Amino acid sequence: MLDKNKTIDFMGLRKLALGLSILMILVSIASLALRGLNLGIDFTGGTVMEVAYPESTDPDKVRGVLQAAEYKAIVQHFGSAKDILIRLPPQVETDDKAKLSNDVLATLQAETPAVELRRVEFVGPQIGEELREDGGLAMLYALIGILIYVAFRFEFRFAVGAVVALVHDVIITLGFFSLTQIEFDLTVLAALLAIIGYSLNDTIVVFDRQRDNFRLLRDETPREVLNISINQTLTRTLLTSMTTLLVVIALYVFGSEVISAFSLALIVGIVVGTYSSIYVASNLLLTLGITKEALIPPEKEKIEGMNEDGSVV
């Protein structure tokens, strides 16, 4: 057990942390309300083209050709290094999908005449609307399931703390994408679901230690128990966060543009999730008035003529 005199007083900063969290949430909500998200083609609809090059081609080169022609497109390999998938959001200038695909193909052929068009598909906005609804429901169902799971495993106040911490992480991550106007697509939605799982795992580890310490440390106040528990799990929390961050940062720096938004969402989520495991979930436990009596099992009454273990004297 850690020496209590050497522990960091995390709960001593809980009011400052609460103010910081409220500020970040308010800024995020305001940005989402005023600016919204820069939704990608997965949610807004658009045109999908598959083209074939005579030899291996770098998607960045194709993307550069399209950007020079003022086409905003997502470009990636599809199947092989010669096949390129191009996704174009709805163009304000034209509603003619056939003309748009022909113009894009002509732009590519001006650079590489041997480019062939394999297929063209149009994704309607109604599909994007269904994806938005399904994605929102997926996060809602996940949070409800987490609330029920934590309430049964720990105590209802722990469940509220865990869910509030997860909502805190999701709102701030969404706010970051709203403020920066980085494209929000299905990969970012997948990252949000991954953030929920990551943050919950970290919070559960801290909660486990707090529950055990509430039963073991009978003389300490709830604030002291929470501080000791956070300090005992701090090394594990930081090591897990740092090693995960190193991998995700490597994906962001060395990966392609296709996964850059996904990697960035995970970076923001891991940082915010680590912060919320320490300052939001535990902070809320104190605010809700967690007590030792709620977690310490009642002592068995000693029956005359019997030991505490039930054996006959």
Protein backbone atom coordinates (compact mmCIF):
# COMPACT_ATOMS: atom_id res chain seq x y z
CA MET A 1 0.00 0.00 0.00
CA LEU A 2 1.24 3.51 -0.78
CA ASP A 3 2.24 5.81 2.01
CA LYS A 4 -0.65 8.25 2.33
CA ASN A 5 1.79 11.07 3.03
CA LYS A 6 3.35 10.61 -0.39
CA THR A 7 0.17 10.50 -2.42
CA ILE A 8 -0.85 13.23 -4.85
CA ASP A 9 -3.95 15.08 -3.70
CA PHE A 10 -5.96 14.68 -6.90
CA MET A 11 -9.24 15.36 -5.13
CA GLY A 12 -7.81 18.62 -3.83
CA LEU A 13 -8.01 19.90 -7.42
CA ARG A 14 -11.47 18.50 -8.07
CA LYS A 15 -13.18 21.92 -8.13
CA LEU A 16 -10.67 23.24 -10.63
CA ALA A 17 -11.07 20.07 -12.71
CA LEU A 18 -14.86 20.40 -12.54
CA GLY A 19 -14.64 23.97 -13.84
CA LEU A 20 -12.31 22.91 -16.65
CA SER A 21 -14.62 20.06 -17.67
CA ILE A 22 -17.70 22.28 -17.64
CA LEU A 23 -15.86 24.88 -19.75
CA MET A 24 -14.75 22.28 -22.33
CA ILE A 25 -18.24 20.80 -22.53
CA LEU A 26 -19.89 24.21 -22.95
CA VAL A 27 -17.44 25.18 -25.70
CA SER A 28 -18.02 21.83 -27.42
CA ILE A 29 -21.80 22.09 -27.26
CA ALA A 30 -21.71 25.70 -28.50
CA SER A 31 -19.49 24.74 -31.43
CA LEU A 32 -21.69 21.76 -32.30
CA ALA A 33 -24.79 23.98 -32.20
CA LEU A 34 -23.31 26.87 -34.19
CA ARG A 35 -20.87 25.17 -36.58
CA GLY A 36 -21.91 21.53 -36.53
CA LEU A 37 -19.72 18.73 -37.84
CA ASN A 38 -18.02 18.60 -41.22
CA LEU A 39 -19.77 15.39 -42.23
CA GLY A 40 -18.07 13.15 -44.77
CA ILE A 41 -19.56 11.40 -47.75
CA ASP A 42 -20.61 8.46 -45.55
CA PHE A 43 -23.23 10.74 -43.98
CA THR A 44 -23.98 13.31 -46.69
CA GLY A 45 -24.08 11.09 -49.76
CA GLY A 46 -22.02 11.59 -52.91
CA THR A 47 -20.33 9.81 -55.82
CA VAL A 48 -18.08 6.75 -55.59
CA MET A 49 -15.77 5.96 -58.53
CA GLU A 50 -13.43 3.04 -59.06
CA VAL A 51 -10.66 3.60 -61.62
CA ALA A 52 -7.83 1.36 -62.79
CA TYR A 53 -4.30 2.54 -63.59
CA PRO A 54 -1.90 0.63 -65.88
CA GLU A 55 0.65 0.38 -63.04
CA SER A 56 0.91 0.89 -59.30
CA THR A 57 -0.16 4.38 -58.32
CA ASP A 58 0.17 6.40 -55.13
CA PRO A 59 -3.25 7.64 -53.88
CA ASP A 60 -1.57 10.87 -52.74
CA LYS A 61 -0.61 11.60 -56.35
CA VAL A 62 -4.18 11.04 -57.53
CA ARG A 63 -5.47 13.19 -54.69
CA GLY A 64 -3.11 15.96 -55.71
CA VAL A 65 -4.35 15.88 -59.31
CA LEU A 66 -7.96 16.18 -58.14
CA GLN A 67 -7.16 18.95 -55.67
CA ALA A 68 -5.44 20.90 -58.42
CA ALA A 69 -8.72 20.69 -60.34
CA GLU A 70 -10.58 21.85 -57.19
CA TYR A 71 -12.20 18.50 -56.45
CA LYS A 72 -12.43 17.58 -52.77
CA ALA A 73 -12.13 13.80 -52.72
CA ILE A 74 -11.16 10.86 -50.53
CA VAL A 75 -8.72 8.65 -52.44
CA GLN A 76 -7.46 5.20 -51.44
CA HIS A 77 -6.34 1.89 -52.87
CA PHE A 78 -9.09 -0.61 -53.57
CA GLY A 79 -8.13 -4.26 -53.95
CA SER A 80 -4.72 -3.76 -55.55
CA ALA A 81 -2.08 -1.04 -55.93
CA LYS A 82 -3.41 -0.35 -59.45
CA ASP A 83 -7.05 0.14 -58.45
CA ILE A 84 -8.08 3.46 -56.93
CA LEU A 85 -11.33 4.25 -55.13
CA ILE A 86 -12.45 7.89 -55.27
CA ARG A 87 -15.23 9.25 -53.09
CA LEU A 88 -16.62 12.68 -53.95
CA PRO A 89 -19.04 14.63 -51.75
CA PRO A 90 -22.06 16.31 -53.40
CA GLN A 91 -20.87 19.16 -55.62
CA VAL A 92 -22.61 22.50 -55.28
CA GLU A 93 -21.84 23.40 -58.88
CA THR A 94 -23.69 20.51 -60.49
CA ASP A 95 -26.42 17.99 -59.76
CA ASP A 96 -25.58 15.92 -62.85
CA LYS A 97 -23.82 12.84 -61.41
CA ALA A 98 -22.90 11.48 -64.86
CA LYS A 99 -21.29 14.75 -65.87
CA LEU A 100 -19.37 14.90 -62.57
CA SER A 101 -17.91 11.41 -62.99
CA ASN A 102 -17.01 12.13 -66.64
CA ASP A 103 -15.28 15.38 -65.66
CA VAL A 104 -13.29 13.66 -62.92
CA LEU A 105 -12.26 10.86 -65.30
CA ALA A 106 -11.20 13.43 -67.90
CA THR A 107 -9.08 15.18 -65.26
CA LEU A 108 -7.33 11.93 -64.39
CA GLN A 109 -6.84 10.96 -68.04
CA ALA A 110 -5.25 14.33 -68.76
CA GLU A 111 -2.51 13.27 -66.34
CA THR A 112 -2.50 9.52 -67.19
CA PRO A 113 -4.30 8.72 -70.47
CA ALA A 114 -4.51 4.97 -69.78
CA VAL A 115 -6.78 5.37 -66.74
CA GLU A 116 -9.95 3.26 -67.05
CA LEU A 117 -13.27 3.74 -65.30
CA ARG A 118 -14.45 0.52 -63.63
CA ARG A 119 -17.67 1.63 -61.93
CA VAL A 120 -19.60 4.65 -60.68
CA GLU A 121 -22.08 4.62 -57.80
CA PHE A 122 -24.12 7.35 -56.16
CA VAL A 123 -24.74 7.29 -52.41
CA GLY A 124 -27.97 9.11 -51.61
CA PRO A 125 -28.31 11.46 -48.63
CA GLN A 126 -31.03 9.25 -47.13
CA ILE A 127 -28.42 6.53 -46.57
CA GLY A 128 -26.25 9.04 -44.78
CA GLU A 129 -29.18 10.00 -42.58
CA GLU A 130 -29.72 6.35 -41.66
CA LEU A 131 -26.03 6.00 -40.81
CA ARG A 132 -26.20 9.05 -38.53
CA GLU A 133 -29.22 7.66 -36.72
CA ASP A 134 -27.73 4.17 -36.41
CA GLY A 135 -24.43 5.57 -35.15
CA GLY A 136 -26.17 7.70 -32.53
CA LEU A 137 -28.28 4.75 -31.39
CA ALA A 138 -25.17 2.55 -31.17
CA MET A 139 -23.55 5.00 -28.74
CA LEU A 140 -26.78 5.39 -26.75
CA TYR A 141 -27.24 1.61 -26.39
CA ALA A 142 -23.59 1.26 -25.37
CA LEU A 143 -24.00 3.86 -22.61
CA ILE A 144 -27.21 2.22 -21.33
CA GLY A 145 -25.52 -1.18 -21.25
CA ILE A 146 -22.55 0.29 -19.38
CA LEU A 147 -24.87 1.95 -16.84
CA ILE A 148 -26.58 -1.37 -16.10
CA TYR A 149 -23.30 -3.34 -15.96
CA VAL A 150 -21.51 -0.94 -13.58
CA ALA A 151 -24.60 -0.56 -11.37
CA PHE A 152 -24.72 -4.34 -10.85
CA ARG A 153 -20.97 -4.80 -10.44
CA PHE A 154 -20.32 -1.84 -8.14
CA GLU A 155 -23.02 0.55 -6.95
CA PHE A 156 -25.41 2.95 -8.67
CA ARG A 157 -23.28 6.01 -7.93
CA PHE A 158 -20.33 4.31 -9.61
CA ALA A 159 -22.53 3.66 -12.65
CA VAL A 160 -23.54 7.32 -12.87
CA GLY A 161 -19.89 8.39 -12.55
CA ALA A 162 -18.78 6.01 -15.30
CA VAL A 163 -21.51 7.07 -17.75
CA VAL A 164 -21.02 10.80 -17.09
CA ALA A 165 -17.27 10.36 -17.69
CA LEU A 166 -17.98 8.61 -21.01
CA VAL A 167 -20.47 11.28 -22.12
CA HIS A 168 -17.87 13.88 -21.12
CA ASP A 169 -15.25 12.19 -23.36
CA VAL A 170 -17.57 11.83 -26.36
CA ILE A 171 -18.86 15.43 -26.22
CA ILE A 172 -15.36 16.91 -25.97
CA THR A 173 -14.08 14.73 -28.84
CA LEU A 174 -17.06 15.77 -30.99
CA GLY A 175 -16.43 19.37 -30.00
CA PHE A 176 -12.81 19.08 -31.14
CA PHE A 177 -13.94 17.91 -34.58
CA SER A 178 -16.52 20.69 -34.72
CA LEU A 179 -13.98 23.37 -33.81
CA THR A 180 -11.34 22.13 -36.25
CA GLN A 181 -13.87 21.18 -38.97
CA ILE A 182 -11.91 18.01 -39.68
CA GLU A 183 -14.07 15.66 -41.75
CA PHE A 184 -16.28 13.41 -39.61
CA ASP A 185 -16.86 10.05 -41.31
CA LEU A 186 -17.56 6.45 -40.34
CA THR A 187 -13.95 5.87 -39.25
CA VAL A 188 -14.28 8.70 -36.70
CA LEU A 189 -17.56 7.22 -35.49
CA ALA A 190 -15.76 3.90 -35.03
CA ALA A 191 -13.05 5.75 -33.09
CA LEU A 192 -15.71 7.23 -30.79
CA LEU A 193 -17.01 3.76 -29.98
CA ALA A 194 -13.42 2.62 -29.34
CA ILE A 195 -12.93 5.62 -27.02
CA ILE A 196 -15.98 4.55 -25.01
CA GLY A 197 -14.47 1.09 -24.53
CA TYR A 198 -11.00 2.42 -23.70
CA SER A 199 -12.20 5.03 -21.22
CA LEU A 200 -14.55 2.56 -19.53
CA ASN A 201 -11.76 0.02 -19.07
CA ASP A 202 -9.56 2.65 -17.41
CA THR A 203 -12.41 3.84 -15.19
CA ILE A 204 -13.30 0.28 -14.11
CA VAL A 205 -9.69 -0.37 -13.01
CA VAL A 206 -9.80 2.74 -10.79
CA PHE A 207 -13.27 1.83 -9.49
CA ASP A 208 -12.11 -1.68 -8.59
CA ARG A 209 -9.31 -0.33 -6.42
CA GLN A 210 -11.60 2.27 -4.84
CA ARG A 211 -14.20 -0.35 -3.93
CA ASP A 212 -11.55 -2.59 -2.35
CA ASN A 213 -10.01 0.28 -0.42
CA PHE A 214 -13.38 1.41 0.92
CA ARG A 215 -13.59 -2.04 2.52
CA LEU A 216 -9.98 -2.14 3.73
CA LEU A 217 -9.29 1.44 4.85
CA ARG A 218 -11.84 1.85 7.61
CA ASP A 219 -10.32 4.98 9.24
CA GLU A 220 -9.92 7.18 6.15
CA THR A 221 -12.49 9.60 4.76
CA PRO A 222 -14.01 8.95 1.31
CA ARG A 223 -11.81 11.69 -0.16
CA GLU A 224 -8.67 10.05 1.27
CA VAL A 225 -9.75 6.63 0.02
CA LEU A 226 -10.29 7.98 -3.51
CA ASN A 227 -6.91 9.73 -3.47
CA ILE A 228 -5.07 6.62 -2.29
CA SER A 229 -6.84 4.48 -4.90
CA ILE A 230 -6.06 6.84 -7.78
CA ASN A 231 -2.40 6.98 -6.73
CA GLN A 232 -2.20 3.20 -6.53
CA THR A 233 -3.51 2.83 -10.08
CA LEU A 234 -1.74 5.91 -11.48
CA THR A 235 1.32 4.03 -12.80
CA ARG A 236 -0.88 1.51 -14.62
CA THR A 237 -3.09 4.28 -16.03
CA LEU A 238 -0.17 6.34 -17.34
CA LEU A 239 1.71 3.35 -18.80
CA THR A 240 -1.40 2.13 -20.61
CA SER A 241 -2.19 5.59 -21.94
CA MET A 242 1.37 6.33 -23.07
CA THR A 243 1.90 3.02 -24.87
CA THR A 244 -1.48 3.33 -26.60
CA LEU A 245 -0.76 6.94 -27.53
CA LEU A 246 2.60 6.00 -29.07
CA VAL A 247 0.90 3.51 -31.40
CA VAL A 248 -1.91 5.90 -32.36
CA ILE A 249 0.48 8.81 -32.92
CA ALA A 250 2.57 6.57 -35.19
CA LEU A 251 -0.59 5.78 -37.17
CA TYR A 252 -1.38 9.48 -37.45
CA VAL A 253 2.15 10.51 -38.50
CA PHE A 254 3.06 7.63 -40.80
CA GLY A 255 -0.38 6.40 -41.88
CA SER A 256 -2.26 7.56 -44.95
CA GLU A 257 -4.78 10.39 -45.06
CA VAL A 258 -7.58 7.82 -45.02
CA ILE A 259 -6.94 6.96 -41.34
CA SER A 260 -5.67 10.35 -40.17
CA ALA A 261 -9.06 11.46 -38.78
CA PHE A 262 -9.52 8.07 -37.11
CA SER A 263 -6.08 8.31 -35.47
CA LEU A 264 -6.62 11.91 -34.38
CA ALA A 265 -9.96 11.03 -32.78
CA LEU A 266 -8.25 8.28 -30.79
CA ILE A 267 -5.45 10.63 -29.69
CA VAL A 268 -7.96 13.17 -28.37
CA GLY A 269 -10.11 10.45 -26.82
CA ILE A 270 -7.22 8.76 -25.01
CA VAL A 271 -5.99 12.04 -23.50
CA VAL A 272 -9.48 13.13 -22.44
CA GLY A 273 -10.38 9.60 -21.28
CA THR A 274 -7.33 9.37 -19.05
CA TYR A 275 -8.17 12.76 -17.53
CA SER A 276 -11.83 11.80 -16.97
CA SER A 277 -10.93 8.50 -15.27
CA ILE A 278 -9.05 10.46 -12.64
CA TYR A 279 -10.98 13.70 -12.29
CA VAL A 280 -14.51 13.21 -13.63
CA ALA A 281 -15.63 9.74 -12.50
CA SER A 282 -14.05 9.92 -9.02
CA ASN A 283 -15.02 13.56 -8.62
CA LEU A 284 -18.66 12.67 -9.23
CA LEU A 285 -18.50 9.93 -6.58
CA LEU A 286 -17.69 12.55 -3.94
CA THR A 287 -20.35 14.90 -5.31
CA LEU A 288 -22.99 12.15 -5.08
CA GLY A 289 -21.93 11.43 -1.49
CA ILE A 290 -20.36 7.99 -1.74
CA THR A 291 -20.00 6.38 1.69
CA LYS A 292 -18.18 3.38 3.10
CA GLU A 293 -21.47 1.96 4.35
CA ALA A 294 -22.68 1.63 0.75
CA LEU A 295 -19.76 -0.64 -0.13
CA ILE A 296 -18.80 -2.42 3.09
CA PRO A 297 -20.81 -5.65 3.43
CA PRO A 298 -22.72 -5.89 6.73
CA GLU A 299 -20.96 -7.91 9.42
CA LYS A 300 -22.52 -11.24 10.28
CA GLU A 301 -24.00 -11.44 13.72
CA LYS A 302 -22.16 -13.85 15.96
CA ILE A 303 -24.47 -16.60 17.18
CA GLU A 304 -23.90 -17.75 20.76
CA GLY A 305 -22.03 -21.03 20.85
CA MET A 306 -20.55 -20.60 17.38
CA ASN A 307 -17.42 -19.04 15.97
CA GLU A 308 -17.53 -16.31 13.29
CA ASP A 309 -16.79 -18.94 10.61
CA GLY A 310 -19.85 -20.93 11.62
CA SER A 311 -18.07 -23.73 13.48
CA VAL A 312 -19.31 -24.93 16.85
CA VAL A 313 -17.35 -23.73 19.88
